């Protein structure tokens, strides 16, 4: 059987480091095809993506990927665990993926597996609960629980390795029959400023917001006119949050232990989204969790929406090899494949709701476009995959 590499990504935006990961993965498996699963218009750190999803998917296909599928909205705005489960579930449901590649600070997949295997034991869960009861954050509790089991927690230090462990956990828990590949990260670390051609996505986003030319750092440049207006986006999100009843916050993923009350109060006392999230933040909860919770509430995502697994495979972009993969997936896939977005109308009710949530989020994203002609609603039902 032909090797097919699955990649979980946000490509926010797609840069040379992402292209290098795909290249290195193909070097390990010559002749392999690449299927990427990509976040849509909102990303796991609790923010809007810097460019619309179809443009980011097209950049990936022009730079080494063969097929790009969309991760539905509830899993884009989930915790690292939920995000990884959603990504692995989509890759598994294609029925054709044989390997999963992810970036890694260590590049040592065996060490990451050791930690992942330990996290699947009852001893780890017991140690984790004991640490959480002390009131520390989940990340700190997890690290201490690993150390209590006599292992080196160094693998929990890097954000890519941390996410890699979550991918390995999901591969194990979902019984996905593919092999993990940890590709060493090149250049600047996550959220760091670097030198040379390989820069972090966060640095490139900051340069784009300042109006700087980033073409030397990205293989397929996109016109900044496609970036959403951050002020329009903030007002749109704040207006939605201020109109929600208290019960909506209670039913939002991430709510619990009074966090929903803090967020509800902050929404009605603060005038900026950053101030809302900071007012609701505590020592135990990371700011990214608060941002995800606020966005989930504004976009109408409930706990029930995020509790299961993605219910369809939505195609964003493909090349000739990707189209051949789609023909193979027709017989192998475990979920409906949406090559025409209008086909979402034929999905079962629960799956259709997930598509509608994702589509409504796309409408909000485009409403904040810098060009009035791009703001018409319903675009997600009219936009076909990019075929190259």
Protein backbone atom coordinates (compact mmCIF):
# COMPACT_ATOMS: atom_id res chain seq x y z
CA UNK A 1 0.00 0.00 0.00
CA UNK A 2 1.23 3.49 -0.82
CA UNK A 3 2.41 5.55 2.14
CA UNK A 4 0.18 8.50 2.91
CA UNK A 5 1.33 11.03 5.48
CA UNK A 6 -1.20 12.89 7.59
CA UNK A 7 -0.34 16.33 8.96
CA UNK A 8 -2.31 18.29 11.55
CA UNK A 9 -1.87 22.04 11.10
CA UNK A 10 -3.21 25.55 11.41
CA UNK A 11 -0.93 27.21 8.83
CA UNK A 12 -1.51 30.59 10.41
CA UNK A 13 0.01 31.50 7.99
CA UNK A 14 1.76 28.80 5.96
CA UNK A 15 5.51 29.51 6.14
CA UNK A 16 8.84 27.98 5.15
CA UNK A 17 9.02 25.91 8.33
CA UNK A 18 5.75 24.21 7.40
CA UNK A 19 7.03 23.53 3.89
CA UNK A 20 10.22 22.06 5.38
CA UNK A 21 8.22 19.70 7.62
CA UNK A 22 6.37 18.35 4.59
CA UNK A 23 9.63 18.05 2.66
CA UNK A 24 11.41 16.21 5.50
CA UNK A 25 8.43 13.88 5.93
CA UNK A 26 8.53 12.98 2.25
CA UNK A 27 12.28 12.38 2.47
CA UNK A 28 11.60 9.77 5.17
CA UNK A 29 8.95 8.12 2.98
CA UNK A 30 9.88 8.70 -0.68
CA UNK A 31 6.89 8.77 -2.99
CA UNK A 32 4.38 9.36 -0.19
CA UNK A 33 1.38 11.64 -0.59
CA UNK A 34 0.41 14.22 2.05
CA UNK A 35 -3.03 14.90 3.52
CA UNK A 36 -3.27 17.93 5.81
CA UNK A 37 -6.08 18.62 8.26
CA UNK A 38 -6.21 22.36 8.90
CA UNK A 39 -8.07 24.65 11.28
CA UNK A 40 -10.59 26.92 9.61
CA UNK A 41 -11.13 30.62 10.29
CA UNK A 42 -10.47 30.42 14.04
CA UNK A 43 -7.50 28.74 15.68
CA UNK A 44 -6.64 26.90 18.87
CA UNK A 45 -5.02 29.85 20.66
CA UNK A 46 -8.45 31.52 20.70
CA UNK A 47 -8.00 33.96 17.82
CA UNK A 48 -9.11 34.53 14.25
CA UNK A 49 -6.75 33.15 11.62
CA UNK A 50 -4.62 35.76 9.86
CA UNK A 51 -6.00 34.73 6.42
CA UNK A 52 -9.18 32.91 5.29
CA UNK A 53 -9.08 29.13 5.30
CA UNK A 54 -9.25 28.52 1.55
CA UNK A 55 -6.27 30.81 0.91
CA UNK A 56 -4.20 29.07 3.59
CA UNK A 57 -5.19 25.66 2.20
CA UNK A 58 -4.19 26.75 -1.32
CA UNK A 59 -0.80 27.91 -0.01
CA UNK A 60 -0.25 24.46 1.53
CA UNK A 61 -1.06 22.63 -1.71
CA UNK A 62 1.22 24.95 -3.68
CA UNK A 63 4.00 24.09 -1.21
CA UNK A 64 3.99 20.30 -0.88
CA UNK A 65 0.60 19.13 0.42
CA UNK A 66 -1.68 17.12 -1.88
CA UNK A 67 -5.02 17.39 -0.10
CA UNK A 68 -6.23 19.75 2.64
CA UNK A 69 -9.26 18.95 4.78
CA UNK A 70 -10.91 21.31 7.25
CA UNK A 71 -11.08 20.63 10.98
CA UNK A 72 -14.65 21.61 11.98
CA UNK A 73 -15.02 24.60 14.30
CA UNK A 74 -15.63 23.01 17.74
CA UNK A 75 -12.30 21.15 17.61
CA UNK A 76 -10.42 24.22 16.34
CA UNK A 77 -11.35 26.00 19.57
CA UNK A 78 -10.77 23.06 21.88
CA UNK A 79 -8.06 22.32 24.42
CA UNK A 80 -4.86 20.70 23.15
CA UNK A 81 -6.38 17.31 23.97
CA UNK A 82 -9.61 17.99 22.08
CA UNK A 83 -7.77 19.63 19.19
CA UNK A 84 -5.49 16.59 18.83
CA UNK A 85 -8.41 14.14 19.05
CA UNK A 86 -10.22 16.04 16.32
CA UNK A 87 -7.18 16.09 14.05
CA UNK A 88 -6.36 12.40 14.54
CA UNK A 89 -10.01 11.44 14.12
CA UNK A 90 -10.21 13.20 10.74
CA UNK A 91 -6.96 11.59 9.55
CA UNK A 92 -8.16 8.16 10.71
CA UNK A 93 -11.54 8.64 9.04
CA UNK A 94 -9.94 9.14 5.63
CA UNK A 95 -9.23 5.41 5.70
CA UNK A 96 -5.98 5.89 3.77
CA UNK A 97 -3.44 7.57 6.11
CA UNK A 98 -0.50 5.34 7.07
CA UNK A 99 1.70 7.85 8.98
CA UNK A 100 1.22 11.04 10.98
CA UNK A 101 3.90 13.73 10.92
CA UNK A 102 4.20 16.55 13.45
CA UNK A 103 6.78 19.18 14.36
CA UNK A 104 8.85 18.59 17.48
CA UNK A 105 11.49 20.41 19.49
CA UNK A 106 13.17 17.12 20.41
CA UNK A 107 12.55 15.12 17.24
CA UNK A 108 12.56 12.04 19.50
CA UNK A 109 9.30 10.19 18.91
CA UNK A 110 10.31 7.32 21.22
CA UNK A 111 10.73 9.64 24.21
CA UNK A 112 7.40 11.28 23.45
CA UNK A 113 5.75 7.84 23.26
CA UNK A 114 7.17 6.94 26.66
CA UNK A 115 5.45 9.94 28.22
CA UNK A 116 2.27 9.30 26.23
CA UNK A 117 2.12 5.68 27.36
CA UNK A 118 2.55 6.75 30.98
CA UNK A 119 -0.27 9.29 30.62
CA UNK A 120 -2.57 6.44 29.59
CA UNK A 121 -2.18 4.66 32.93
CA UNK A 122 -4.37 4.82 36.02
CA UNK A 123 -1.34 5.77 38.13
CA UNK A 124 -0.89 8.92 36.06
CA UNK A 125 -4.57 9.86 36.34
CA UNK A 126 -4.43 9.43 40.11
CA UNK A 127 -1.29 11.55 40.40
CA UNK A 128 -2.80 14.19 38.10
CA UNK A 129 -5.96 14.49 40.22
CA UNK A 130 -3.89 14.84 43.38
CA UNK A 131 -1.87 17.67 41.86
CA UNK A 132 -4.94 19.46 40.50
CA UNK A 133 -6.47 19.39 43.98
CA UNK A 134 -3.64 21.66 45.14
CA UNK A 135 -5.02 24.43 42.91
CA UNK A 136 -2.17 24.59 40.39
CA UNK A 137 -2.72 24.85 36.65
CA UNK A 138 -3.37 21.78 34.52
CA UNK A 139 -0.02 22.15 32.74
CA UNK A 140 1.88 22.31 36.04
CA UNK A 141 -0.12 19.42 37.48
CA UNK A 142 0.60 17.28 34.45
CA UNK A 143 4.33 17.95 34.65
CA UNK A 144 4.46 17.13 38.36
CA UNK A 145 2.41 13.95 37.82
CA UNK A 146 4.90 12.77 35.18
CA UNK A 147 7.79 13.47 37.55
CA UNK A 148 6.05 11.61 40.39
CA UNK A 149 6.00 8.55 38.14
CA UNK A 150 9.80 8.78 37.94
CA UNK A 151 10.09 10.10 34.38
CA UNK A 152 11.87 13.08 32.92
CA UNK A 153 9.28 15.76 32.20
CA UNK A 154 11.54 17.57 29.70
CA UNK A 155 9.29 16.41 26.87
CA UNK A 156 6.54 18.56 28.38
CA UNK A 157 8.59 21.73 28.05
CA UNK A 158 8.24 22.52 24.34
CA UNK A 159 4.82 23.42 22.89
CA UNK A 160 5.35 21.26 19.79
CA UNK A 161 6.41 18.26 21.88
CA UNK A 162 3.45 18.84 24.21
CA UNK A 163 1.06 18.79 21.28
CA UNK A 164 2.92 15.79 19.82
CA UNK A 165 2.21 13.87 23.02
CA UNK A 166 -1.47 14.74 22.66
CA UNK A 167 -1.39 13.41 19.09
CA UNK A 168 0.17 10.19 20.37
CA UNK A 169 -2.47 9.96 23.10
CA UNK A 170 -5.21 10.36 20.49
CA UNK A 171 -3.62 7.80 18.16
CA UNK A 172 -3.65 5.31 21.04
CA UNK A 173 -7.12 6.13 22.37
CA UNK A 174 -8.78 6.21 18.93
CA UNK A 175 -6.88 3.10 17.82
CA UNK A 176 -5.64 4.86 14.70
CA UNK A 177 -3.54 2.47 12.64
CA UNK A 178 -0.74 4.79 11.59
CA UNK A 179 2.87 5.44 12.56
CA UNK A 180 3.94 8.71 14.21
CA UNK A 181 6.84 10.78 12.80
CA UNK A 182 8.40 13.60 14.87
CA UNK A 183 10.12 16.13 12.59
CA UNK A 184 12.66 18.41 14.34
CA UNK A 185 11.57 22.05 14.28
CA UNK A 186 13.88 24.43 12.41
CA UNK A 187 14.47 28.09 13.20
CA UNK A 188 12.62 30.21 15.78
CA UNK A 189 10.62 28.47 18.44
CA UNK A 190 6.89 28.80 18.97
CA UNK A 191 5.96 32.46 19.70
CA UNK A 192 9.62 33.51 19.43
CA UNK A 193 11.43 36.02 17.23
CA UNK A 194 14.18 34.48 15.12
CA UNK A 195 16.77 35.12 12.45
CA UNK A 196 17.20 33.85 8.91
CA UNK A 197 14.48 32.49 6.64
CA UNK A 198 12.69 30.27 9.16
CA UNK A 199 10.50 32.38 11.44
CA UNK A 200 7.68 31.48 13.80
CA UNK A 201 4.08 31.97 12.69
CA UNK A 202 3.55 34.45 15.54
CA UNK A 203 6.42 36.65 14.34
CA UNK A 204 5.12 36.57 10.76
CA UNK A 205 1.62 37.51 11.94
CA UNK A 206 3.02 40.44 13.89
CA UNK A 207 4.99 41.61 10.86
CA UNK A 208 1.88 41.35 8.68
CA UNK A 209 -0.13 43.43 11.15
CA UNK A 210 2.58 46.09 11.00
CA UNK A 211 2.38 46.14 7.22
CA UNK A 212 5.82 44.61 6.68
CA UNK A 213 6.80 42.48 3.69
CA UNK A 214 7.02 38.81 4.76
CA UNK A 215 7.51 37.25 1.33
CA UNK A 216 11.01 36.02 2.22
CA UNK A 217 9.53 33.87 5.03
CA UNK A 218 6.59 32.30 3.18
CA UNK A 219 6.63 30.14 0.02
CA UNK A 220 3.25 31.39 -1.20
CA UNK A 221 2.55 35.02 -0.24
CA UNK A 222 -1.02 36.27 0.25
CA UNK A 223 -2.31 39.80 -0.21
CA UNK A 224 -2.77 41.50 3.21
CA UNK A 225 -6.10 42.85 1.94
CA UNK A 226 -7.52 39.43 2.82
CA UNK A 227 -6.66 39.87 6.52
CA UNK A 228 -9.76 40.55 8.66
CA UNK A 229 -9.98 43.98 10.26
CA UNK A 230 -9.16 43.33 13.95
CA UNK A 231 -11.29 46.25 15.20
CA UNK A 232 -14.35 45.08 13.28
CA UNK A 233 -13.78 41.54 14.53
CA UNK A 234 -13.46 42.62 18.15
CA UNK A 235 -16.67 44.66 17.99
CA UNK A 236 -18.54 41.78 16.36
CA UNK A 237 -17.43 39.33 19.05
CA UNK A 238 -18.08 41.73 21.94
CA UNK A 239 -21.56 42.55 20.67
CA UNK A 240 -22.44 38.86 20.51
CA UNK A 241 -21.03 38.19 23.98
CA UNK A 242 -22.92 41.08 25.55
CA UNK A 243 -26.23 39.80 24.16
CA UNK A 244 -25.85 36.26 25.55
CA UNK A 245 -27.74 35.10 28.65
CA UNK A 246 -25.76 33.73 31.60
CA UNK A 247 -26.88 30.19 30.67
CA UNK A 248 -24.97 30.40 27.37
CA UNK A 249 -21.69 30.80 29.26
CA UNK A 250 -22.53 27.86 31.50
CA UNK A 251 -23.04 25.65 28.45
CA UNK A 252 -19.81 26.74 26.72
CA UNK A 253 -16.89 24.28 26.40
CA UNK A 254 -14.35 25.00 29.14
CA UNK A 255 -16.95 26.26 31.63
CA UNK A 256 -16.80 24.97 35.20
CA UNK A 257 -15.64 25.81 38.71
CA UNK A 258 -17.14 29.31 38.40
CA UNK A 259 -15.12 30.27 35.34
CA UNK A 260 -18.30 30.93 33.39
CA UNK A 261 -19.41 33.46 36.05
CA UNK A 262 -16.11 35.30 35.87
CA UNK A 263 -16.37 35.51 32.08
CA UNK A 264 -20.02 36.63 32.17
CA UNK A 265 -19.16 39.39 34.64
CA UNK A 266 -16.12 40.49 32.62
CA UNK A 267 -18.20 40.70 29.43
CA UNK A 268 -20.49 43.21 31.17
CA UNK A 269 -17.78 45.32 32.80
CA UNK A 270 -14.91 45.51 30.28
CA UNK A 271 -14.76 47.33 26.94
CA UNK A 272 -12.17 45.31 25.00
CA UNK A 273 -11.83 41.61 24.32
CA UNK A 274 -8.34 41.52 25.84
CA UNK A 275 -9.65 43.19 28.99
CA UNK A 276 -12.53 40.70 29.18
CA UNK A 277 -10.17 37.74 29.00
CA UNK A 278 -7.68 39.22 31.48
CA UNK A 279 -10.46 39.98 33.96
CA UNK A 280 -11.66 36.36 33.80
CA UNK A 281 -8.16 34.90 34.03
CA UNK A 282 -6.83 33.29 37.19
CA UNK A 283 -3.58 31.58 38.21
CA UNK A 284 -5.10 28.19 37.46
CA UNK A 285 -6.45 28.91 33.98
CA UNK A 286 -4.31 29.90 31.00
CA UNK A 287 -5.30 32.96 29.01
CA UNK A 288 -5.66 30.83 25.87
CA UNK A 289 -8.40 28.80 27.60
CA UNK A 290 -10.31 31.97 28.43
CA UNK A 291 -9.95 33.23 24.86
CA UNK A 292 -11.21 29.92 23.46
CA UNK A 293 -14.15 29.98 25.85
CA UNK A 294 -15.07 33.55 24.91
CA UNK A 295 -14.91 32.78 21.18
CA UNK A 296 -16.87 29.55 21.64
CA UNK A 297 -19.62 31.45 23.44
CA UNK A 298 -19.72 34.16 20.76
CA UNK A 299 -19.84 31.57 17.97
CA UNK A 300 -22.53 29.45 19.62
CA UNK A 301 -20.50 26.32 20.37
CA UNK A 302 -21.95 24.22 23.21
CA UNK A 303 -20.41 21.48 25.32
CA UNK A 304 -22.44 18.92 23.35
CA UNK A 305 -21.01 20.19 20.05
CA UNK A 306 -17.45 19.64 21.22
CA UNK A 307 -18.00 16.37 23.07
CA UNK A 308 -17.81 13.94 20.16
CA UNK A 309 -15.63 13.66 17.07
CA UNK A 310 -15.73 15.46 13.70
CA UNK A 311 -18.65 14.04 11.65
CA UNK A 312 -17.54 14.75 8.07
CA UNK A 313 -14.52 15.34 5.82
CA UNK A 314 -14.68 18.76 4.14
CA UNK A 315 -12.24 19.37 1.26
CA UNK A 316 -10.60 22.81 1.08
CA UNK A 317 -7.92 22.28 -1.58
CA UNK A 318 -6.26 19.53 -3.64
CA UNK A 319 -3.92 18.90 -6.54
CA UNK A 320 -3.98 16.02 -9.01
CA UNK A 321 -2.56 13.59 -6.46
CA UNK A 322 -5.10 14.85 -3.93
CA UNK A 323 -7.94 14.19 -6.37
CA UNK A 324 -6.67 10.62 -6.78
CA UNK A 325 -6.67 10.30 -2.98
CA UNK A 326 -10.27 11.48 -2.90
CA UNK A 327 -11.26 8.77 -5.38
CA UNK A 328 -9.58 6.21 -3.12
CA UNK A 329 -11.28 7.66 -0.06
CA UNK A 330 -14.72 7.20 -1.59
CA UNK A 331 -14.44 3.50 -0.74
CA UNK A 332 -12.17 3.74 2.31
CA UNK A 333 -13.42 6.73 4.31
CA UNK A 334 -15.47 6.31 7.45
CA UNK A 335 -17.26 9.66 7.12
CA UNK A 336 -19.10 11.60 4.39
CA UNK A 337 -16.72 13.51 2.09
CA UNK A 338 -17.83 17.03 1.17
CA UNK A 339 -16.28 18.04 -2.15
CA UNK A 340 -19.26 20.29 -2.85
CA UNK A 341 -20.25 22.37 0.19
CA UNK A 342 -23.93 22.25 -0.76
CA UNK A 343 -23.76 18.52 0.02
CA UNK A 344 -23.75 19.52 3.70
CA UNK A 345 -27.53 19.85 3.36
CA UNK A 346 -27.70 16.06 3.05
CA UNK A 347 -25.76 15.38 6.26
CA UNK A 348 -27.50 13.85 9.29
CA UNK A 349 -28.89 16.53 11.67
CA UNK A 350 -26.04 16.46 14.21
CA UNK A 351 -23.37 16.61 11.49
CA UNK A 352 -25.28 19.34 9.66
CA UNK A 353 -25.33 21.44 12.84
CA UNK A 354 -21.53 21.24 13.04
CA UNK A 355 -21.23 22.40 9.43
CA UNK A 356 -23.70 25.22 10.12
CA UNK A 357 -21.67 26.36 13.13
CA UNK A 358 -18.51 26.33 11.03
CA UNK A 359 -20.28 28.18 8.21
CA UNK A 360 -21.69 30.82 10.57
CA UNK A 361 -18.20 31.40 11.98
CA UNK A 362 -16.97 31.89 8.40
CA UNK A 363 -19.70 34.50 7.88
CA UNK A 364 -18.57 36.39 10.97
CA UNK A 365 -14.96 36.19 9.83
CA UNK A 366 -15.81 37.58 6.37
CA UNK A 367 -18.02 40.28 7.89
CA UNK A 368 -14.78 41.72 9.22
CA UNK A 369 -13.18 41.73 5.78
CA UNK A 370 -11.46 44.93 4.63
CA UNK A 371 -13.31 44.72 1.30
CA UNK A 372 -17.14 45.18 1.43
CA UNK A 373 -17.62 42.88 -1.55
CA UNK A 374 -16.29 39.96 0.52
CA UNK A 375 -18.78 40.35 3.38
CA UNK A 376 -21.85 38.66 1.90
CA UNK A 377 -23.12 35.80 4.11
CA UNK A 378 -23.47 32.21 2.99
CA UNK A 379 -20.02 32.05 1.40
CA UNK A 380 -19.20 28.69 2.95
CA UNK A 381 -22.06 27.09 1.00
CA UNK A 382 -20.91 28.67 -2.28
CA UNK A 383 -17.13 28.28 -2.15
CA UNK A 384 -15.86 25.15 -3.88
CA UNK A 385 -12.50 23.55 -3.04
CA UNK A 386 -9.40 25.05 -4.63
CA UNK A 387 -8.29 22.56 -7.29
CA UNK A 388 -4.76 22.97 -8.65
